[in-house]
Every structure is written in C-alpha cells, then in structure tokens.
C-alpha cells in the first residue's frame, strides 16, 4: 500500500515554531483595535459634539432657558387675610339654599369677592371649558338646570372644576354667593 504522508498545516507549523511572532501579532491587533475605537469616538464627538451644535439657534442660552422655564408661577399675596374656617358643619345644599339670604348687599359683595379670589382664575378666561363670566350663551343652559344644580356643581365639583373651585376652606355660603354673582352677570 501506498504510504500516507501527513503534510503539516503551515499555520500550525508557524504557530508552533514562532510563538513570539504570535504574541507580537496579538499585541499589534489589540493596539489597532484601541486606536480604532479612539478615532471613532473622536469622529462622533466632532460630528455631534459641542462644537457643531453651539452655533445652532435652538442651542442658544436663551432658547434653552425658554424651554426649561416653568409654565406657571405661583404668587401669594402677603396682604391677603388667612382663609376663615366654616362657621358650621356642611349641610345639604337644599337646606343652605333655603337659609341663605336672597340677594342683599352682603351676599353680592361676598359673591364678587369670592369670584375675584377663586373663580376668576377659570371663569374669567374660560379655562378647560369653564363658562366665561358674563357670557350669556355659555351660561344659559346651565342656568336652565336650576340653582340647586349650579350650587351642587360648585360645591362638589363637575368635569374639570374641583369642589369649591379648588379651595376647600371656602364656606358653602361664599361659594353659593359666587354662583349667584356669576349667574346675575349672565342674565
């Protein structure tokens, strides 16, 4: 039979005979990889970094300040008297309506004052669909439901309006006076 000659693989022969060359090759490959990563990082920083974006109008200090500015500012009047707690526990709407004075200078003044302090924030501008003060067309269907329904909505909240216009310390009588004040302006 023919003798089988085993020819060694040239790569295996090279690795086995020259391990120093293998170590040098690995080291050169690792250095090339690190250099490649550094160059790619510099390319990315030059393309998207601070230098190219600084001249953009959207990146100016004024534009950034405008984007991160608060949308609203709370201003507290230091001269305003503290809220007064309700004089008596809350009673059903019908009982309070029957006990409340009909009209009168004190009721109108309390209604106007409550409107200006609490209700005007939404009803003065029509925020979130609130009927604007004095808008007869917007108030007409609400007035048609009756004062008890209007009082209930003002006291307990309705749609986007929170109970008592967001001021739970308001006495029920002041809330009703504000409703009466707004209704009288829309008639």
C-alpha atoms as a PDB file:
ATOM      1  CA  UNK A   1       0.000   0.000   0.000  1.00  0.00           C
ATOM      2  CA  UNK A   2       0.982   3.477  -0.523  1.00  0.00           C
ATOM      3  CA  UNK A   3       2.460   5.260   2.321  1.00  0.00           C
ATOM      4  CA  UNK A   4       0.390   8.140   3.559  1.00  0.00           C
ATOM      5  CA  UNK A   5       2.350  11.282   4.023  1.00  0.00           C
ATOM      6  CA  UNK A   6       0.964  13.693   6.549  1.00  0.00           C
ATOM      7  CA  UNK A   7       1.641  17.217   5.449  1.00  0.00           C
ATOM      8  CA  UNK A   8       1.680  19.645   8.342  1.00  0.00           C
ATOM      9  CA  UNK A   9      -0.567  22.686   8.229  1.00  0.00           C
ATOM     10  CA  UNK A  10       1.547  25.788   7.523  1.00  0.00           C
ATOM     11  CA  UNK A  11      -0.349  27.857  10.110  1.00  0.00           C
ATOM     12  CA  UNK A  12       0.115  25.278  12.844  1.00  0.00           C
ATOM     13  CA  UNK A  13       3.711  24.918  11.878  1.00  0.00           C
ATOM     14  CA  UNK A  14       4.194  28.691  12.080  1.00  0.00           C
ATOM     15  CA  UNK A  15       2.482  28.975  15.493  1.00  0.00           C
ATOM     16  CA  UNK A  16       4.379  26.092  16.938  1.00  0.00           C
ATOM     17  CA  UNK A  17       7.715  27.252  15.635  1.00  0.00           C
ATOM     18  CA  UNK A  18       7.352  31.019  16.307  1.00  0.00           C
ATOM     19  CA  UNK A  19       5.314  31.841  19.474  1.00  0.00           C
ATOM     20  CA  UNK A  20       6.997  35.233  19.771  1.00  0.00           C
ATOM     21  CA  UNK A  21       5.602  36.231  16.401  1.00  0.00           C
ATOM     22  CA  UNK A  22       2.136  35.170  17.575  1.00  0.00           C
ATOM     23  CA  UNK A  23       2.384  37.347  20.704  1.00  0.00           C
ATOM     24  CA  UNK A  24       3.563  40.313  18.643  1.00  0.00           C
ATOM     25  CA  UNK A  25       0.653  39.849  16.229  1.00  0.00           C
ATOM     26  CA  UNK A  26      -1.871  39.765  19.052  1.00  0.00           C
ATOM     27  CA  UNK A  27      -0.372  42.900  20.638  1.00  0.00           C
ATOM     28  CA  UNK A  28      -0.441  44.786  17.319  1.00  0.00           C
ATOM     29  CA  UNK A  29      -4.048  43.730  16.766  1.00  0.00           C
ATOM     30  CA  UNK A  30      -5.096  44.954  20.253  1.00  0.00           C
ATOM     31  CA  UNK A  31      -3.330  48.298  19.733  1.00  0.00           C
ATOM     32  CA  UNK A  32      -5.019  48.724  16.349  1.00  0.00           C
ATOM     33  CA  UNK A  33      -8.400  47.978  17.953  1.00  0.00           C
ATOM     34  CA  UNK A  34      -7.856  50.608  20.688  1.00  0.00           C
ATOM     35  CA  UNK A  35      -6.713  53.193  18.152  1.00  0.00           C
ATOM     36  CA  UNK A  36      -9.780  52.451  16.024  1.00  0.00           C
ATOM     37  CA  UNK A  37     -12.109  52.927  18.982  1.00  0.00           C
ATOM     38  CA  UNK A  38     -10.440  56.227  19.944  1.00  0.00           C
ATOM     39  CA  UNK A  39     -10.683  57.529  16.364  1.00  0.00           C
ATOM     40  CA  UNK A  40     -14.373  56.555  16.125  1.00  0.00           C
ATOM     41  CA  UNK A  41     -15.085  58.332  19.434  1.00  0.00           C
ATOM     42  CA  UNK A  42     -13.349  61.488  18.208  1.00  0.00           C
ATOM     43  CA  UNK A  43     -15.284  61.345  14.949  1.00  0.00           C
ATOM     44  CA  UNK A  44     -18.537  61.047  16.860  1.00  0.00           C
ATOM     45  CA  UNK A  45     -17.644  63.957  19.168  1.00  0.00           C
ATOM     46  CA  UNK A  46     -16.671  66.179  16.244  1.00  0.00           C
ATOM     47  CA  UNK A  47     -19.882  65.367  14.400  1.00  0.00           C
ATOM     48  CA  UNK A  48     -22.320  65.649  17.288  1.00  0.00           C
ATOM     49  CA  UNK A  49     -20.330  67.354  19.996  1.00  0.00           C
ATOM     50  CA  UNK A  50     -20.417  70.808  21.476  1.00  0.00           C
ATOM     51  CA  UNK A  51     -18.517  72.499  18.634  1.00  0.00           C
ATOM     52  CA  UNK A  52     -21.010  71.795  15.847  1.00  0.00           C
ATOM     53  CA  UNK A  53     -24.179  72.332  17.923  1.00  0.00           C
ATOM     54  CA  UNK A  54     -23.079  75.588  19.556  1.00  0.00           C
ATOM     55  CA  UNK A  55     -23.973  77.663  16.514  1.00  0.00           C
ATOM     56  CA  UNK A  56     -27.487  76.212  16.255  1.00  0.00           C
ATOM     57  CA  UNK A  57     -30.226  78.724  17.249  1.00  0.00           C
ATOM     58  CA  UNK A  58     -32.030  76.031  19.251  1.00  0.00           C
ATOM     59  CA  UNK A  59     -28.919  75.576  21.408  1.00  0.00           C
ATOM     60  CA  UNK A  60     -28.533  79.230  22.403  1.00  0.00           C
ATOM     61  CA  UNK A  61     -28.706  80.058  26.103  1.00  0.00           C
ATOM     62  CA  UNK A  62     -31.947  81.996  25.615  1.00  0.00           C
ATOM     63  CA  UNK A  63     -33.635  79.145  23.730  1.00  0.00           C
ATOM     64  CA  UNK A  64     -32.598  76.605  26.352  1.00  0.00           C
ATOM     65  CA  UNK A  65     -33.783  78.858  29.189  1.00  0.00           C
ATOM     66  CA  UNK A  66     -37.134  79.279  27.463  1.00  0.00           C
ATOM     67  CA  UNK A  67     -37.564  75.509  27.044  1.00  0.00           C
ATOM     68  CA  UNK A  68     -36.798  74.683  30.662  1.00  0.00           C
ATOM     69  CA  UNK A  69     -38.648  77.643  32.208  1.00  0.00           C
ATOM     70  CA  UNK A  70     -41.650  76.800  34.426  1.00  0.00           C
ATOM     71  CA  UNK A  71     -45.021  77.064  32.709  1.00  0.00           C
ATOM     72  CA  UNK A  72     -46.647  78.859  35.623  1.00  0.00           C
ATOM     73  CA  UNK A  73     -45.698  80.919  38.625  1.00  0.00           C
ATOM     74  CA  UNK A  74     -47.477  80.888  41.976  1.00  0.00           C
ATOM     75  CA  UNK A  75     -47.802  84.320  43.508  1.00  0.00           C
ATOM     76  CA  UNK A  76     -49.076  84.578  47.058  1.00  0.00           C
ATOM     77  CA  UNK A  77     -50.438  87.910  48.245  1.00  0.00           C
ATOM     78  CA  UNK A  78     -48.800  88.557  51.625  1.00  0.00           C
ATOM     79  CA  UNK A  79     -51.515  91.100  52.472  1.00  0.00           C
ATOM     80  CA  UNK A  80     -54.404  88.681  51.934  1.00  0.00           C
ATOM     81  CA  UNK A  81     -56.170  87.599  55.126  1.00  0.00           C
ATOM     82  CA  UNK A  82     -55.882  83.924  56.056  1.00  0.00           C
ATOM     83  CA  UNK A  83     -58.817  81.762  54.987  1.00  0.00           C
ATOM     84  CA  UNK A  84     -61.581  81.505  57.546  1.00  0.00           C
ATOM     85  CA  UNK A  85     -62.831  78.064  58.538  1.00  0.00           C
ATOM     86  CA  UNK A  86     -66.505  77.266  58.011  1.00  0.00           C
ATOM     87  CA  UNK A  87     -68.650  78.542  60.860  1.00  0.00           C
ATOM     88  CA  UNK A  88     -70.813  75.442  60.890  1.00  0.00           C
ATOM     89  CA  UNK A  89     -70.566  71.921  59.516  1.00  0.00           C
ATOM     90  CA  UNK A  90     -71.557  71.432  55.891  1.00  0.00           C
ATOM     91  CA  UNK A  91     -75.268  70.926  55.426  1.00  0.00           C
ATOM     92  CA  UNK A  92     -77.210  69.614  52.464  1.00  0.00           C
ATOM     93  CA  UNK A  93     -77.439  72.038  49.550  1.00  0.00           C
ATOM     94  CA  UNK A  94     -81.212  72.470  49.800  1.00  0.00           C
ATOM     95  CA  UNK A  95     -81.062  73.470  53.489  1.00  0.00           C
ATOM     96  CA  UNK A  96     -78.291  76.008  52.911  1.00  0.00           C
ATOM     97  CA  UNK A  97     -80.086  77.431  49.890  1.00  0.00           C
ATOM     98  CA  UNK A  98     -83.241  77.903  51.917  1.00  0.00           C
ATOM     99  CA  UNK A  99     -81.323  79.505  54.799  1.00  0.00           C
ATOM    100  CA  UNK A 100     -79.204  81.814  52.604  1.00  0.00           C
ATOM    101  CA  UNK A 101     -80.418  85.385  52.225  1.00  0.00           C
ATOM    102  CA  UNK A 102     -81.921  86.171  48.849  1.00  0.00           C
ATOM    103  CA  UNK A 103     -79.738  88.863  47.302  1.00  0.00           C
ATOM    104  CA  UNK A 104     -78.727  91.680  49.628  1.00  0.00           C
ATOM    105  CA  UNK A 105     -75.607  93.806  49.635  1.00  0.00           C
ATOM    106  CA  UNK A 106     -73.587  91.447  51.842  1.00  0.00           C
ATOM    107  CA  UNK A 107     -74.384  88.428  49.611  1.00  0.00           C
ATOM    108  CA  UNK A 108     -73.434  90.302  46.435  1.00  0.00           C
ATOM    109  CA  UNK A 109     -70.186  91.586  47.964  1.00  0.00           C
ATOM    110  CA  UNK A 110     -69.239  88.125  49.227  1.00  0.00           C
ATOM    111  CA  UNK A 111     -70.057  86.655  45.820  1.00  0.00           C
ATOM    112  CA  UNK A 112     -67.949  89.219  43.979  1.00  0.00           C
ATOM    113  CA  UNK A 113     -65.051  88.808  46.419  1.00  0.00           C
ATOM    114  CA  UNK A 114     -65.146  85.011  46.156  1.00  0.00           C
ATOM    115  CA  UNK A 115     -65.375  85.212  42.373  1.00  0.00           C
ATOM    116  CA  UNK A 116     -62.359  87.520  42.192  1.00  0.00           C
ATOM    117  CA  UNK A 117     -60.243  85.416  44.600  1.00  0.00           C
ATOM    118  CA  UNK A 118     -61.139  81.912  43.438  1.00  0.00           C
ATOM    119  CA  UNK A 119     -63.495  81.620  40.481  1.00  0.00           C
ATOM    120  CA  UNK A 120     -61.985  84.208  38.126  1.00  0.00           C
ATOM    121  CA  UNK A 121     -58.919  82.047  37.515  1.00  0.00           C
ATOM    122  CA  UNK A 122     -61.028  79.773  35.289  1.00  0.00           C
ATOM    123  CA  UNK A 123     -64.309  81.594  34.721  1.00  0.00           C
ATOM    124  CA  UNK A 124     -62.513  84.821  33.842  1.00  0.00           C
ATOM    125  CA  UNK A 125     -60.703  83.216  30.881  1.00  0.00           C
ATOM    126  CA  UNK A 126     -62.751  80.120  30.055  1.00  0.00           C
ATOM    127  CA  UNK A 127     -60.044  77.618  31.038  1.00  0.00           C
ATOM    128  CA  UNK A 128     -60.912  73.964  30.280  1.00  0.00           C
ATOM    129  CA  UNK A 129     -64.385  74.839  29.039  1.00  0.00           C
ATOM    130  CA  UNK A 130     -65.462  76.858  32.074  1.00  0.00           C
ATOM    131  CA  UNK A 131     -68.203  79.308  31.048  1.00  0.00           C
ATOM    132  CA  UNK A 132     -66.738  82.811  30.986  1.00  0.00           C
ATOM    133  CA  UNK A 133     -68.064  85.414  33.369  1.00  0.00           C
ATOM    134  CA  UNK A 134     -70.897  87.359  31.703  1.00  0.00           C
ATOM    135  CA  UNK A 135     -71.138  85.035  28.648  1.00  0.00           C
ATOM    136  CA  UNK A 136     -74.910  84.701  28.350  1.00  0.00           C
ATOM    137  CA  UNK A 137     -74.806  82.000  25.666  1.00  0.00           C
ATOM    138  CA  UNK A 138     -72.480  79.783  27.696  1.00  0.00           C
ATOM    139  CA  UNK A 139     -74.380  80.259  30.952  1.00  0.00           C
ATOM    140  CA  UNK A 140     -77.953  79.936  29.573  1.00  0.00           C
ATOM    141  CA  UNK A 141     -78.094  76.093  29.501  1.00  0.00           C
ATOM    142  CA  UNK A 142     -76.514  75.911  32.940  1.00  0.00           C
ATOM    143  CA  UNK A 143     -78.904  78.458  34.416  1.00  0.00           C
ATOM    144  CA  UNK A 144     -81.793  76.467  32.913  1.00  0.00           C
ATOM    145  CA  UNK A 145     -80.837  73.463  35.096  1.00  0.00           C
ATOM    146  CA  UNK A 146     -81.661  75.476  38.228  1.00  0.00           C
ATOM    147  CA  UNK A 147     -79.690  76.976  41.072  1.00  0.00           C
ATOM    148  CA  UNK A 148     -79.595  73.745  43.072  1.00  0.00           C
ATOM    149  CA  UNK A 149     -77.705  72.037  40.232  1.00  0.00           C
ATOM    150  CA  UNK A 150     -75.332  75.020  39.910  1.00  0.00           C
ATOM    151  CA  UNK A 151     -74.725  75.089  43.653  1.00  0.00           C
ATOM    152  CA  UNK A 152     -74.079  71.347  43.699  1.00  0.00           C
ATOM    153  CA  UNK A 153     -71.601  71.607  40.817  1.00  0.00           C
ATOM    154  CA  UNK A 154     -69.773  74.475  42.533  1.00  0.00           C
ATOM    155  CA  UNK A 155     -69.690  72.774  45.936  1.00  0.00           C
ATOM    156  CA  UNK A 156     -68.878  69.231  44.828  1.00  0.00           C
ATOM    157  CA  UNK A 157     -67.075  69.793  41.512  1.00  0.00           C
ATOM    158  CA  UNK A 158     -68.015  68.991  37.950  1.00  0.00           C
ATOM    159  CA  UNK A 159     -65.929  67.952  34.919  1.00  0.00           C
ATOM    160  CA  UNK A 160     -62.557  69.731  35.297  1.00  0.00           C
ATOM    161  CA  UNK A 161     -63.777  72.034  38.100  1.00  0.00           C
ATOM    162  CA  UNK A 162     -62.707  70.854  41.567  1.00  0.00           C
ATOM    163  CA  UNK A 163     -65.041  71.188  44.562  1.00  0.00           C
ATOM    164  CA  UNK A 164     -65.306  74.806  45.751  1.00  0.00           C
ATOM    165  CA  UNK A 165     -63.068  75.906  42.873  1.00  0.00           C
ATOM    166  CA  UNK A 166     -60.106  74.148  44.472  1.00  0.00           C
ATOM    167  CA  UNK A 167     -60.358  75.986  47.806  1.00  0.00           C
ATOM    168  CA  UNK A 168     -61.893  73.526  50.292  1.00  0.00           C
ATOM    169  CA  UNK A 169     -61.728  76.084  53.113  1.00  0.00           C
ATOM    170  CA  UNK A 170     -64.374  78.287  51.450  1.00  0.00           C
ATOM    171  CA  UNK A 171     -67.668  78.356  53.349  1.00  0.00           C
ATOM    172  CA  UNK A 172     -70.583  76.953  51.348  1.00  0.00           C
ATOM    173  CA  UNK A 173     -72.381  80.295  51.620  1.00  0.00           C
ATOM    174  CA  UNK A 174     -69.475  82.096  49.892  1.00  0.00           C
ATOM    175  CA  UNK A 175     -69.443  79.533  47.084  1.00  0.00           C
ATOM    176  CA  UNK A 176     -73.183  79.971  46.573  1.00  0.00           C
ATOM    177  CA  UNK A 177     -72.815  83.749  46.656  1.00  0.00           C
ATOM    178  CA  UNK A 178     -70.188  83.482  43.909  1.00  0.00           C
ATOM    179  CA  UNK A 179     -72.555  81.319  41.850  1.00  0.00           C
ATOM    180  CA  UNK A 180     -75.317  83.885  42.329  1.00  0.00           C
ATOM    181  CA  UNK A 181     -72.904  86.670  41.303  1.00  0.00           C
ATOM    182  CA  UNK A 182     -71.886  84.852  38.101  1.00  0.00           C
ATOM    183  CA  UNK A 183     -75.486  83.952  37.239  1.00  0.00           C
ATOM    184  CA  UNK A 184     -76.670  87.533  37.733  1.00  0.00           C
ATOM    185  CA  UNK A 185     -73.947  88.755  35.349  1.00  0.00           C
ATOM    186  CA  UNK A 186     -75.050  86.257  32.685  1.00  0.00           C
ATOM    187  CA  UNK A 187     -78.779  87.097  32.726  1.00  0.00           C
END
